[in-house]
């Protein structure tokens, strides 16, 4: 009864596989054991009764040899029958991360193994979709928090530092020369703090996207970061780019910002190129450098993971590869919404 239920369940759950897969694992095992029993029966049928009472040593040895032969044949046949499960286990053990790219090939002739493989692949895809949605929500929450902190830095901290800088202006009241020098030093410290607060606010929330179009903002980003790091940056960005939603523009800008940060901090490059071009309804951002490239076998860092999460959140594709003859090349492909103008 249990065996029949197993075979019936496999037929129902197998779905698409039942139409083109072979016998179920249950029937394979059943037929192996049936073949052994039938063979054993045939041997007994054609063999003369030679067992004496009491059995002699030779009779016992013959029986033991026959039993050993049956066990060996059963082991070999059962090992062959369960081979697909063993290979599936080895494939599963070799998977390092839950990624759709790690899907297993569905090439087994055993129905249950094929069903398990397909269920595992479907689970990978579902987990990846859930992870993408979770990452997109996390990024949205993070951007809202960044925006709040940026406003607080600009409106509260910035205004307080500006007021303090006005109070510390020299010549407001006559004071001793040494005191005036100390006031000037304090004013310089406050001025540096004000500039630092502005830079932090800009890093938290790129207000430049509200002032400039995306193309101008990207060009400004590349030139500004290159000048600060003493890096030659070649910029090729059209003056007008197709319209994109605000969250897409922000994601593109953030990816470019992170990529340029990696070039400045880790690439040890002397030259970088930022290029943007539009073709066939796709905007492509490319950032190349002539630096040291990625170490062989290095796992992706948090910066690259964050860029990939942002790209997936807007339905874009991000490819990072080793450039030739040296350096790293990044390409972000963003599908554009039809029917809107340029900005």
C-alpha atoms as a PDB file:
ATOM      1  CA  UNK A   1       0.000   0.000   0.000  1.00  0.00           C
ATOM      2  CA  UNK A   2       2.773   2.412   0.921  1.00  0.00           C
ATOM      3  CA  UNK A   3       4.687   1.571  -2.227  1.00  0.00           C
ATOM      4  CA  UNK A   4       1.619   2.108  -4.374  1.00  0.00           C
ATOM      5  CA  UNK A   5       0.990   5.461  -2.721  1.00  0.00           C
ATOM      6  CA  UNK A   6       4.575   6.465  -3.349  1.00  0.00           C
ATOM      7  CA  UNK A   7       4.350   5.658  -7.011  1.00  0.00           C
ATOM      8  CA  UNK A   8       0.990   7.445  -7.341  1.00  0.00           C
ATOM      9  CA  UNK A   9       2.230  10.538  -5.513  1.00  0.00           C
ATOM     10  CA  UNK A  10       5.220  10.759  -7.780  1.00  0.00           C
ATOM     11  CA  UNK A  11       2.957  10.580 -10.843  1.00  0.00           C
ATOM     12  CA  UNK A  12       0.832  13.440  -9.542  1.00  0.00           C
ATOM     13  CA  UNK A  13       3.605  15.654  -8.175  1.00  0.00           C
ATOM     14  CA  UNK A  14       5.891  15.038 -11.096  1.00  0.00           C
ATOM     15  CA  UNK A  15       3.605  17.094 -13.318  1.00  0.00           C
ATOM     16  CA  UNK A  16       5.518  17.908 -16.435  1.00  0.00           C
ATOM     17  CA  UNK A  17       8.081  15.176 -15.836  1.00  0.00           C
ATOM     18  CA  UNK A  18       5.658  12.217 -15.999  1.00  0.00           C
ATOM     19  CA  UNK A  19       5.176  12.674 -19.716  1.00  0.00           C
ATOM     20  CA  UNK A  20       8.817  12.168 -20.678  1.00  0.00           C
ATOM     21  CA  UNK A  21      10.660  10.631 -17.704  1.00  0.00           C
ATOM     22  CA  UNK A  22      11.320   6.936 -17.162  1.00  0.00           C
ATOM     23  CA  UNK A  23      10.172   4.666 -14.383  1.00  0.00           C
ATOM     24  CA  UNK A  24       9.972   6.003 -10.871  1.00  0.00           C
ATOM     25  CA  UNK A  25      12.653   5.156  -8.316  1.00  0.00           C
ATOM     26  CA  UNK A  26      10.184   2.884  -6.521  1.00  0.00           C
ATOM     27  CA  UNK A  27       9.646   0.727  -9.594  1.00  0.00           C
ATOM     28  CA  UNK A  28      13.358   0.631 -10.343  1.00  0.00           C
ATOM     29  CA  UNK A  29      14.118  -0.722  -6.867  1.00  0.00           C
ATOM     30  CA  UNK A  30      11.128  -3.083  -7.019  1.00  0.00           C
ATOM     31  CA  UNK A  31      12.194  -4.531 -10.365  1.00  0.00           C
ATOM     32  CA  UNK A  32      15.789  -4.988  -9.165  1.00  0.00           C
ATOM     33  CA  UNK A  33      14.686  -7.002  -6.162  1.00  0.00           C
ATOM     34  CA  UNK A  34      12.115  -8.899  -8.230  1.00  0.00           C
ATOM     35  CA  UNK A  35      14.801  -9.863 -10.711  1.00  0.00           C
ATOM     36  CA  UNK A  36      17.004 -11.147  -7.894  1.00  0.00           C
ATOM     37  CA  UNK A  37      14.183 -13.204  -6.398  1.00  0.00           C
ATOM     38  CA  UNK A  38      13.204 -14.635  -9.768  1.00  0.00           C
ATOM     39  CA  UNK A  39      16.809 -15.526 -10.537  1.00  0.00           C
ATOM     40  CA  UNK A  40      17.199 -17.159  -7.156  1.00  0.00           C
ATOM     41  CA  UNK A  41      14.020 -19.151  -7.729  1.00  0.00           C
ATOM     42  CA  UNK A  42      15.211 -20.328 -11.126  1.00  0.00           C
ATOM     43  CA  UNK A  43      18.515 -21.464  -9.624  1.00  0.00           C
ATOM     44  CA  UNK A  44      16.677 -23.451  -6.974  1.00  0.00           C
ATOM     45  CA  UNK A  45      14.282 -24.872  -9.563  1.00  0.00           C
ATOM     46  CA  UNK A  46      17.021 -26.294 -11.758  1.00  0.00           C
ATOM     47  CA  UNK A  47      19.304 -27.371  -8.924  1.00  0.00           C
ATOM     48  CA  UNK A  48      18.892 -30.855  -7.405  1.00  0.00           C
ATOM     49  CA  UNK A  49      18.230 -31.013  -3.683  1.00  0.00           C
ATOM     50  CA  UNK A  50      21.627 -31.694  -2.190  1.00  0.00           C
ATOM     51  CA  UNK A  51      21.119 -30.541   1.366  1.00  0.00           C
ATOM     52  CA  UNK A  52      21.573 -33.438   3.815  1.00  0.00           C
ATOM     53  CA  UNK A  53      20.225 -33.731   7.289  1.00  0.00           C
ATOM     54  CA  UNK A  54      22.213 -32.854   9.205  1.00  0.00           C
ATOM     55  CA  UNK A  55      23.839 -30.519   6.601  1.00  0.00           C
ATOM     56  CA  UNK A  56      27.405 -31.188   5.751  1.00  0.00           C
ATOM     57  CA  UNK A  57      30.115 -28.547   5.566  1.00  0.00           C
ATOM     58  CA  UNK A  58      30.055 -28.544   1.777  1.00  0.00           C
ATOM     59  CA  UNK A  59      26.297 -27.887   1.739  1.00  0.00           C
ATOM     60  CA  UNK A  60      26.716 -24.943   4.099  1.00  0.00           C
ATOM     61  CA  UNK A  61      29.501 -23.489   1.983  1.00  0.00           C
ATOM     62  CA  UNK A  62      27.396 -23.761  -1.172  1.00  0.00           C
ATOM     63  CA  UNK A  63      24.483 -21.980   0.516  1.00  0.00           C
ATOM     64  CA  UNK A  64      26.747 -19.249   1.866  1.00  0.00           C
ATOM     65  CA  UNK A  65      28.374 -18.779  -1.541  1.00  0.00           C
ATOM     66  CA  UNK A  66      24.953 -18.458  -3.155  1.00  0.00           C
ATOM     67  CA  UNK A  67      23.827 -15.970  -0.512  1.00  0.00           C
ATOM     68  CA  UNK A  68      27.022 -13.947  -0.970  1.00  0.00           C
ATOM     69  CA  UNK A  69      26.499 -13.918  -4.733  1.00  0.00           C
ATOM     70  CA  UNK A  70      22.921 -12.667  -4.284  1.00  0.00           C
ATOM     71  CA  UNK A  71      24.095  -9.921  -1.911  1.00  0.00           C
ATOM     72  CA  UNK A  72      26.804  -8.783  -4.325  1.00  0.00           C
ATOM     73  CA  UNK A  73      24.419  -8.693  -7.272  1.00  0.00           C
ATOM     74  CA  UNK A  74      21.825  -6.862  -5.174  1.00  0.00           C
ATOM     75  CA  UNK A  75      24.456  -4.309  -4.080  1.00  0.00           C
ATOM     76  CA  UNK A  76      25.602  -3.622  -7.643  1.00  0.00           C
ATOM     77  CA  UNK A  77      22.098  -3.274  -9.030  1.00  0.00           C
ATOM     78  CA  UNK A  78      20.886  -1.131  -6.137  1.00  0.00           C
ATOM     79  CA  UNK A  79      23.949   1.098  -6.425  1.00  0.00           C
ATOM     80  CA  UNK A  80      23.164   1.641 -10.074  1.00  0.00           C
ATOM     81  CA  UNK A  81      19.516   2.380  -9.274  1.00  0.00           C
ATOM     82  CA  UNK A  82      20.398   4.939  -6.582  1.00  0.00           C
ATOM     83  CA  UNK A  83      23.251   6.469  -8.582  1.00  0.00           C
ATOM     84  CA  UNK A  84      21.205   9.495  -9.751  1.00  0.00           C
ATOM     85  CA  UNK A  85      20.394  10.400  -6.128  1.00  0.00           C
ATOM     86  CA  UNK A  86      24.072  10.163  -5.203  1.00  0.00           C
ATOM     87  CA  UNK A  87      25.037  12.453  -8.104  1.00  0.00           C
ATOM     88  CA  UNK A  88      22.308  14.926  -7.102  1.00  0.00           C
ATOM     89  CA  UNK A  89      23.649  15.000  -3.543  1.00  0.00           C
ATOM     90  CA  UNK A  90      27.164  15.737  -4.821  1.00  0.00           C
ATOM     91  CA  UNK A  91      25.863  18.568  -6.993  1.00  0.00           C
ATOM     92  CA  UNK A  92      23.964  20.092  -4.081  1.00  0.00           C
ATOM     93  CA  UNK A  93      27.035  19.839  -1.848  1.00  0.00           C
ATOM     94  CA  UNK A  94      29.082  21.714  -4.455  1.00  0.00           C
ATOM     95  CA  UNK A  95      26.840  24.783  -4.464  1.00  0.00           C
ATOM     96  CA  UNK A  96      28.498  27.679  -2.631  1.00  0.00           C
ATOM     97  CA  UNK A  97      25.697  30.255  -2.612  1.00  0.00           C
ATOM     98  CA  UNK A  98      21.973  30.491  -3.287  1.00  0.00           C
ATOM     99  CA  UNK A  99      22.072  32.101  -6.702  1.00  0.00           C
ATOM    100  CA  UNK A 100      19.976  31.421  -9.836  1.00  0.00           C
ATOM    101  CA  UNK A 101      23.243  31.001 -11.743  1.00  0.00           C
ATOM    102  CA  UNK A 102      23.874  27.896  -9.606  1.00  0.00           C
ATOM    103  CA  UNK A 103      20.863  26.034 -10.998  1.00  0.00           C
ATOM    104  CA  UNK A 104      21.330  22.303 -11.477  1.00  0.00           C
ATOM    105  CA  UNK A 105      20.983  20.665 -14.915  1.00  0.00           C
ATOM    106  CA  UNK A 106      17.785  18.661 -15.226  1.00  0.00           C
ATOM    107  CA  UNK A 107      19.297  15.682 -17.031  1.00  0.00           C
ATOM    108  CA  UNK A 108      18.280  12.703 -14.899  1.00  0.00           C
ATOM    109  CA  UNK A 109      16.143   9.874 -16.265  1.00  0.00           C
ATOM    110  CA  UNK A 110      14.777   9.182 -12.768  1.00  0.00           C
ATOM    111  CA  UNK A 111      11.503  10.955 -12.198  1.00  0.00           C
ATOM    112  CA  UNK A 112      11.991  11.708  -8.495  1.00  0.00           C
ATOM    113  CA  UNK A 113      15.489  13.069  -9.045  1.00  0.00           C
ATOM    114  CA  UNK A 114      14.226  15.252 -11.893  1.00  0.00           C
ATOM    115  CA  UNK A 115      11.395  16.510  -9.686  1.00  0.00           C
ATOM    116  CA  UNK A 116      13.813  17.314  -6.844  1.00  0.00           C
ATOM    117  CA  UNK A 117      16.169  19.113  -9.231  1.00  0.00           C
ATOM    118  CA  UNK A 118      13.381  21.202 -10.703  1.00  0.00           C
ATOM    119  CA  UNK A 119      11.989  22.010  -7.236  1.00  0.00           C
ATOM    120  CA  UNK A 120      15.451  23.081  -6.074  1.00  0.00           C
ATOM    121  CA  UNK A 121      15.896  25.343  -9.116  1.00  0.00           C
ATOM    122  CA  UNK A 122      12.452  26.871  -8.581  1.00  0.00           C
ATOM    123  CA  UNK A 123      13.333  27.495  -4.934  1.00  0.00           C
ATOM    124  CA  UNK A 124      16.526  29.286  -5.975  1.00  0.00           C
ATOM    125  CA  UNK A 125      14.554  31.567  -8.286  1.00  0.00           C
ATOM    126  CA  UNK A 126      11.925  32.330  -5.624  1.00  0.00           C
ATOM    127  CA  UNK A 127      14.569  33.059  -2.996  1.00  0.00           C
ATOM    128  CA  UNK A 128      16.394  35.332  -5.432  1.00  0.00           C
ATOM    129  CA  UNK A 129      13.182  37.215  -6.234  1.00  0.00           C
ATOM    130  CA  UNK A 130      12.429  37.620  -2.544  1.00  0.00           C
ATOM    131  CA  UNK A 131      15.968  38.826  -1.909  1.00  0.00           C
ATOM    132  CA  UNK A 132      15.685  41.377  -4.704  1.00  0.00           C
ATOM    133  CA  UNK A 133      12.418  42.716  -3.322  1.00  0.00           C
ATOM    134  CA  UNK A 134      13.879  42.870   0.177  1.00  0.00           C
ATOM    135  CA  UNK A 135      17.003  44.620  -1.097  1.00  0.00           C
ATOM    136  CA  UNK A 136      14.911  47.137  -3.031  1.00  0.00           C
ATOM    137  CA  UNK A 137      12.851  47.918   0.077  1.00  0.00           C
ATOM    138  CA  UNK A 138      16.016  48.225   2.167  1.00  0.00           C
ATOM    139  CA  UNK A 139      17.547  50.614  -0.361  1.00  0.00           C
ATOM    140  CA  UNK A 140      14.364  52.709  -0.425  1.00  0.00           C
ATOM    141  CA  UNK A 141      14.343  52.963   3.373  1.00  0.00           C
ATOM    142  CA  UNK A 142      18.042  53.784   3.347  1.00  0.00           C
ATOM    143  CA  UNK A 143      17.575  56.582   0.806  1.00  0.00           C
ATOM    144  CA  UNK A 144      14.744  58.083   2.847  1.00  0.00           C
ATOM    145  CA  UNK A 145      16.965  58.034   5.933  1.00  0.00           C
ATOM    146  CA  UNK A 146      19.819  59.545   3.958  1.00  0.00           C
ATOM    147  CA  UNK A 147      17.487  62.297   2.759  1.00  0.00           C
ATOM    148  CA  UNK A 148      16.347  63.027   6.325  1.00  0.00           C
ATOM    149  CA  UNK A 149      19.910  63.195   7.644  1.00  0.00           C
ATOM    150  CA  UNK A 150      20.954  65.377   4.722  1.00  0.00           C
ATOM    151  CA  UNK A 151      18.174  67.859   5.461  1.00  0.00           C
ATOM    152  CA  UNK A 152      19.093  67.931   9.138  1.00  0.00           C
ATOM    153  CA  UNK A 153      22.749  68.553   8.333  1.00  0.00           C
ATOM    154  CA  UNK A 154      21.844  71.296   5.887  1.00  0.00           C
ATOM    155  CA  UNK A 155      19.043  72.960   7.802  1.00  0.00           C
ATOM    156  CA  UNK A 156      20.106  72.566  11.433  1.00  0.00           C
ATOM    157  CA  UNK A 157      23.822  71.902  11.666  1.00  0.00           C
ATOM    158  CA  UNK A 158      24.602  74.067   8.652  1.00  0.00           C
ATOM    159  CA  UNK A 159      22.544  76.984   9.904  1.00  0.00           C
ATOM    160  CA  UNK A 160      24.035  76.807  13.410  1.00  0.00           C
ATOM    161  CA  UNK A 161      27.566  76.733  12.024  1.00  0.00           C
ATOM    162  CA  UNK A 162      26.747  79.626   9.689  1.00  0.00           C
ATOM    163  CA  UNK A 163      25.413  81.653  12.621  1.00  0.00           C
ATOM    164  CA  UNK A 164      28.517  80.844  14.665  1.00  0.00           C
ATOM    165  CA  UNK A 165      30.686  81.936  11.739  1.00  0.00           C
ATOM    166  CA  UNK A 166      28.884  85.301  11.632  1.00  0.00           C
ATOM    167  CA  UNK A 167      29.443  85.808  15.359  1.00  0.00           C
ATOM    168  CA  UNK A 168      33.136  85.067  14.954  1.00  0.00           C
ATOM    169  CA  UNK A 169      33.680  87.586  12.173  1.00  0.00           C
ATOM    170  CA  UNK A 170      36.708  89.753  13.048  1.00  0.00           C
ATOM    171  CA  UNK A 171      36.239  93.425  13.855  1.00  0.00           C
ATOM    172  CA  UNK A 172      32.810  93.116  15.437  1.00  0.00           C
ATOM    173  CA  UNK A 173      34.125  94.434  18.749  1.00  0.00           C
ATOM    174  CA  UNK A 174      37.567  95.792  19.655  1.00  0.00           C
ATOM    175  CA  UNK A 175      39.598  93.053  21.350  1.00  0.00           C
ATOM    176  CA  UNK A 176      43.176  92.299  22.150  1.00  0.00           C
ATOM    177  CA  UNK A 177      45.324  91.183  19.214  1.00  0.00           C
ATOM    178  CA  UNK A 178      45.894  87.733  20.701  1.00  0.00           C
ATOM    179  CA  UNK A 179      42.164  87.282  21.290  1.00  0.00           C
ATOM    180  CA  UNK A 180      41.446  88.396  17.732  1.00  0.00           C
ATOM    181  CA  UNK A 181      43.904  85.796  16.455  1.00  0.00           C
ATOM    182  CA  UNK A 182      42.174  83.086  18.448  1.00  0.00           C
ATOM    183  CA  UNK A 183      38.790  84.233  17.160  1.00  0.00           C
ATOM    184  CA  UNK A 184      40.121  84.018  13.595  1.00  0.00           C
ATOM    185  CA  UNK A 185      41.363  80.475  14.245  1.00  0.00           C
ATOM    186  CA  UNK A 186      37.998  79.503  15.715  1.00  0.00           C
ATOM    187  CA  UNK A 187      36.237  81.013  12.708  1.00  0.00           C
ATOM    188  CA  UNK A 188      38.440  78.944  10.388  1.00  0.00           C
ATOM    189  CA  UNK A 189      37.601  75.776  12.316  1.00  0.00           C
ATOM    190  CA  UNK A 190      33.874  76.579  12.110  1.00  0.00           C
ATOM    191  CA  UNK A 191      34.230  77.278   8.373  1.00  0.00           C
ATOM    192  CA  UNK A 192      35.890  73.894   7.852  1.00  0.00           C
ATOM    193  CA  UNK A 193      33.144  72.223   9.876  1.00  0.00           C
ATOM    194  CA  UNK A 194      30.530  73.952   7.743  1.00  0.00           C
ATOM    195  CA  UNK A 195      32.207  72.727   4.547  1.00  0.00           C
ATOM    196  CA  UNK A 196      32.407  69.230   6.014  1.00  0.00           C
ATOM    197  CA  UNK A 197      28.696  69.274   6.893  1.00  0.00           C
ATOM    198  CA  UNK A 198      27.888  70.380   3.348  1.00  0.00           C
ATOM    199  CA  UNK A 199      30.000  67.578   1.884  1.00  0.00           C
ATOM    200  CA  UNK A 200      28.324  65.038   4.129  1.00  0.00           C
ATOM    201  CA  UNK A 201      24.889  66.342   3.182  1.00  0.00           C
ATOM    202  CA  UNK A 202      25.849  66.115  -0.492  1.00  0.00           C
ATOM    203  CA  UNK A 203      27.102  62.544  -0.031  1.00  0.00           C
ATOM    204  CA  UNK A 204      23.950  61.522   1.804  1.00  0.00           C
ATOM    205  CA  UNK A 205      21.593  63.078  -0.727  1.00  0.00           C
ATOM    206  CA  UNK A 206      22.930  64.295  -4.083  1.00  0.00           C
ATOM    207  CA  UNK A 207      21.105  67.605  -4.294  1.00  0.00           C
ATOM    208  CA  UNK A 208      22.899  68.174  -7.576  1.00  0.00           C
ATOM    209  CA  UNK A 209      20.261  65.956  -9.233  1.00  0.00           C
ATOM    210  CA  UNK A 210      17.677  68.553  -8.241  1.00  0.00           C
ATOM    211  CA  UNK A 211      19.764  71.344  -9.736  1.00  0.00           C
ATOM    212  CA  UNK A 212      21.204  69.673 -12.836  1.00  0.00           C
ATOM    213  CA  UNK A 213      20.109  67.032 -15.314  1.00  0.00           C
ATOM    214  CA  UNK A 214      21.472  63.524 -14.870  1.00  0.00           C
ATOM    215  CA  UNK A 215      24.066  63.896 -17.623  1.00  0.00           C
ATOM    216  CA  UNK A 216      25.498  67.117 -16.180  1.00  0.00           C
ATOM    217  CA  UNK A 217      25.436  65.628 -12.672  1.00  0.00           C
ATOM    218  CA  UNK A 218      27.399  62.557 -13.815  1.00  0.00           C
ATOM    219  CA  UNK A 219      29.965  64.700 -15.638  1.00  0.00           C
ATOM    220  CA  UNK A 220      30.315  66.946 -12.580  1.00  0.00           C
ATOM    221  CA  UNK A 221      30.753  63.889 -10.334  1.00  0.00           C
ATOM    222  CA  UNK A 222      33.507  62.387 -12.504  1.00  0.00           C
ATOM    223  CA  UNK A 223      35.452  65.628 -12.884  1.00  0.00           C
ATOM    224  CA  UNK A 224      35.114  66.578  -9.206  1.00  0.00           C
ATOM    225  CA  UNK A 225      36.261  63.187  -7.891  1.00  0.00           C
ATOM    226  CA  UNK A 226      39.054  62.991 -10.454  1.00  0.00           C
ATOM    227  CA  UNK A 227      40.361  66.448  -9.543  1.00  0.00           C
ATOM    228  CA  UNK A 228      40.270  65.664  -5.819  1.00  0.00           C
ATOM    229  CA  UNK A 229      42.282  62.458  -6.346  1.00  0.00           C
ATOM    230  CA  UNK A 230      44.658  63.780  -9.010  1.00  0.00           C
ATOM    231  CA  UNK A 231      43.157  61.335 -11.506  1.00  0.00           C
ATOM    232  CA  UNK A 232      42.755  62.070 -15.207  1.00  0.00           C
ATOM    233  CA  UNK A 233      39.100  61.493 -16.078  1.00  0.00           C
ATOM    234  CA  UNK A 234      37.775  61.523 -19.634  1.00  0.00           C
ATOM    235  CA  UNK A 235      34.043  62.266 -19.702  1.00  0.00           C
ATOM    236  CA  UNK A 236      31.789  61.499 -22.654  1.00  0.00           C
ATOM    237  CA  UNK A 237      28.206  62.222 -21.619  1.00  0.00           C
ATOM    238  CA  UNK A 238      25.475  63.685 -23.871  1.00  0.00           C
ATOM    239  CA  UNK A 239      24.077  67.032 -22.779  1.00  0.00           C
ATOM    240  CA  UNK A 240      20.505  65.704 -22.950  1.00  0.00           C
ATOM    241  CA  UNK A 241      19.497  62.236 -21.781  1.00  0.00           C
ATOM    242  CA  UNK A 242      16.092  60.541 -22.050  1.00  0.00           C
ATOM    243  CA  UNK A 243      13.667  61.047 -19.190  1.00  0.00           C
ATOM    244  CA  UNK A 244      13.868  58.561 -16.325  1.00  0.00           C
ATOM    245  CA  UNK A 245      11.974  58.346 -13.033  1.00  0.00           C
ATOM    246  CA  UNK A 246      13.647  59.960 -10.036  1.00  0.00           C
ATOM    247  CA  UNK A 247      14.457  56.642  -8.369  1.00  0.00           C
ATOM    248  CA  UNK A 248      16.116  55.384 -11.558  1.00  0.00           C
ATOM    249  CA  UNK A 249      18.186  58.559 -11.917  1.00  0.00           C
ATOM    250  CA  UNK A 250      19.223  58.312  -8.277  1.00  0.00           C
ATOM    251  CA  UNK A 251      20.235  54.654  -8.686  1.00  0.00           C
ATOM    252  CA  UNK A 252      22.308  55.451 -11.793  1.00  0.00           C
ATOM    253  CA  UNK A 253      24.018  58.328  -9.995  1.00  0.00           C
ATOM    254  CA  UNK A 254      24.703  56.208  -6.901  1.00  0.00           C
ATOM    255  CA  UNK A 255      26.194  53.398  -8.982  1.00  0.00           C
ATOM    256  CA  UNK A 256      28.429  55.874 -10.812  1.00  0.00           C
ATOM    257  CA  UNK A 257      29.419  57.431  -7.463  1.00  0.00           C
ATOM    258  CA  UNK A 258      30.327  54.051  -5.961  1.00  0.00           C
ATOM    259  CA  UNK A 259      32.213  53.011  -9.097  1.00  0.00           C
ATOM    260  CA  UNK A 260      34.255  56.225  -9.137  1.00  0.00           C
ATOM    261  CA  UNK A 261      34.925  55.833  -5.401  1.00  0.00           C
ATOM    262  CA  UNK A 262      36.300  52.333  -6.045  1.00  0.00           C
ATOM    263  CA  UNK A 263      38.528  53.685  -8.815  1.00  0.00           C
ATOM    264  CA  UNK A 264      39.877  56.471  -6.590  1.00  0.00           C
ATOM    265  CA  UNK A 265      40.400  54.346  -3.467  1.00  0.00           C
ATOM    266  CA  UNK A 266      41.349  50.894  -4.703  1.00  0.00           C
ATOM    267  CA  UNK A 267      42.302  50.864  -8.381  1.00  0.00           C
ATOM    268  CA  UNK A 268      45.628  52.724  -8.140  1.00  0.00           C
ATOM    269  CA  UNK A 269      44.751  54.129 -11.566  1.00  0.00           C
ATOM    270  CA  UNK A 270      46.127  57.124 -13.416  1.00  0.00           C
ATOM    271  CA  UNK A 271      43.279  57.468 -15.906  1.00  0.00           C
ATOM    272  CA  UNK A 272      39.573  56.704 -15.997  1.00  0.00           C
ATOM    273  CA  UNK A 273      36.839  57.060 -18.614  1.00  0.00           C
ATOM    274  CA  UNK A 274      33.143  57.699 -17.980  1.00  0.00           C
ATOM    275  CA  UNK A 275      30.882  57.358 -21.023  1.00  0.00           C
ATOM    276  CA  UNK A 276      27.110  57.368 -21.427  1.00  0.00           C
ATOM    277  CA  UNK A 277      25.302  56.444 -24.618  1.00  0.00           C
ATOM    278  CA  UNK A 278      21.736  55.604 -25.583  1.00  0.00           C
ATOM    279  CA  UNK A 279      20.742  53.040 -28.197  1.00  0.00           C
ATOM    280  CA  UNK A 280      17.723  50.786 -28.844  1.00  0.00           C
ATOM    281  CA  UNK A 281      15.837  52.050 -25.792  1.00  0.00           C
ATOM    282  CA  UNK A 282      18.699  51.324 -23.384  1.00  0.00           C
ATOM    283  CA  UNK A 283      20.911  53.808 -21.555  1.00  0.00           C
ATOM    284  CA  UNK A 284      24.411  52.445 -20.913  1.00  0.00           C
ATOM    285  CA  UNK A 285      26.839  53.881 -18.387  1.00  0.00           C
ATOM    286  CA  UNK A 286      30.446  52.709 -18.759  1.00  0.00           C
ATOM    287  CA  UNK A 287      33.308  53.427 -16.358  1.00  0.00           C
ATOM    288  CA  UNK A 288      36.759  52.052 -17.217  1.00  0.00           C
ATOM    289  CA  UNK A 289      40.110  52.529 -15.511  1.00  0.00           C
ATOM    290  CA  UNK A 290      43.719  51.508 -16.100  1.00  0.00           C
ATOM    291  CA  UNK A 291      44.345  50.385 -12.538  1.00  0.00           C
ATOM    292  CA  UNK A 292      45.474  47.120 -11.025  1.00  0.00           C
ATOM    293  CA  UNK A 293      42.157  45.349 -11.581  1.00  0.00           C
ATOM    294  CA  UNK A 294      40.533  42.840  -9.287  1.00  0.00           C
ATOM    295  CA  UNK A 295      42.625  40.177  -7.517  1.00  0.00           C
ATOM    296  CA  UNK A 296      42.115  36.690  -9.030  1.00  0.00           C
ATOM    297  CA  UNK A 297      39.414  34.783  -7.179  1.00  0.00           C
ATOM    298  CA  UNK A 298      38.431  37.765  -5.024  1.00  0.00           C
ATOM    299  CA  UNK A 299      34.849  37.712  -3.768  1.00  0.00           C
ATOM    300  CA  UNK A 300      32.642  40.744  -4.436  1.00  0.00           C
ATOM    301  CA  UNK A 301      32.825  43.402  -1.747  1.00  0.00           C
ATOM    302  CA  UNK A 302      29.978  45.317  -0.155  1.00  0.00           C
ATOM    303  CA  UNK A 303      30.362  48.152  -2.669  1.00  0.00           C
ATOM    304  CA  UNK A 304      29.897  45.881  -5.682  1.00  0.00           C
ATOM    305  CA  UNK A 305      27.043  44.059  -3.961  1.00  0.00           C
ATOM    306  CA  UNK A 306      25.337  47.392  -3.280  1.00  0.00           C
ATOM    307  CA  UNK A 307      25.706  48.424  -6.931  1.00  0.00           C
ATOM    308  CA  UNK A 308      24.209  45.140  -8.102  1.00  0.00           C
ATOM    309  CA  UNK A 309      21.307  45.474  -5.685  1.00  0.00           C
ATOM    310  CA  UNK A 310      20.591  48.985  -6.957  1.00  0.00           C
ATOM    311  CA  UNK A 311      20.774  47.790 -10.551  1.00  0.00           C
ATOM    312  CA  UNK A 312      18.339  44.936  -9.895  1.00  0.00           C
ATOM    313  CA  UNK A 313      16.023  47.316  -8.054  1.00  0.00           C
ATOM    314  CA  UNK A 314      15.488  49.351 -11.245  1.00  0.00           C
ATOM    315  CA  UNK A 315      15.485  46.391 -13.626  1.00  0.00           C
ATOM    316  CA  UNK A 316      18.966  47.181 -14.972  1.00  0.00           C
ATOM    317  CA  UNK A 317      21.920  44.921 -15.703  1.00  0.00           C
ATOM    318  CA  UNK A 318      25.354  45.500 -14.209  1.00  0.00           C
ATOM    319  CA  UNK A 319      28.457  43.803 -15.618  1.00  0.00           C
ATOM    320  CA  UNK A 320      31.922  44.203 -14.082  1.00  0.00           C
ATOM    321  CA  UNK A 321      34.846  42.597 -15.890  1.00  0.00           C
ATOM    322  CA  UNK A 322      38.601  42.846 -16.207  1.00  0.00           C
ATOM    323  CA  UNK A 323      39.652  45.379 -18.820  1.00  0.00           C
ATOM    324  CA  UNK A 324      42.441  44.889 -21.341  1.00  0.00           C
ATOM    325  CA  UNK A 325      45.351  45.255 -21.029  1.00  0.00           C
ATOM    326  CA  UNK A 326      44.765  46.200 -17.376  1.00  0.00           C
ATOM    327  CA  UNK A 327      42.164  47.719 -15.101  1.00  0.00           C
ATOM    328  CA  UNK A 328      38.448  47.175 -14.595  1.00  0.00           C
ATOM    329  CA  UNK A 329      35.463  47.904 -16.822  1.00  0.00           C
ATOM    330  CA  UNK A 330      31.935  48.497 -15.501  1.00  0.00           C
ATOM    331  CA  UNK A 331      28.837  48.623 -17.710  1.00  0.00           C
ATOM    332  CA  UNK A 332      25.340  49.482 -16.455  1.00  0.00           C
ATOM    333  CA  UNK A 333      22.471  48.940 -18.920  1.00  0.00           C
ATOM    334  CA  UNK A 334      19.194  50.648 -17.987  1.00  0.00           C
ATOM    335  CA  UNK A 335      16.004  50.009 -20.013  1.00  0.00           C
ATOM    336  CA  UNK A 336      14.217  53.255 -20.794  1.00  0.00           C
ATOM    337  CA  UNK A 337      10.507  53.959 -20.546  1.00  0.00           C
ATOM    338  CA  UNK A 338       9.126  54.803 -24.016  1.00  0.00           C
ATOM    339  CA  UNK A 339       7.271  57.952 -24.922  1.00  0.00           C
ATOM    340  CA  UNK A 340       9.042  60.555 -22.758  1.00  0.00           C
ATOM    341  CA  UNK A 341      11.343  63.388 -23.731  1.00  0.00           C
ATOM    342  CA  UNK A 342      14.870  64.245 -22.758  1.00  0.00           C
ATOM    343  CA  UNK A 343      16.116  66.045 -19.675  1.00  0.00           C
END
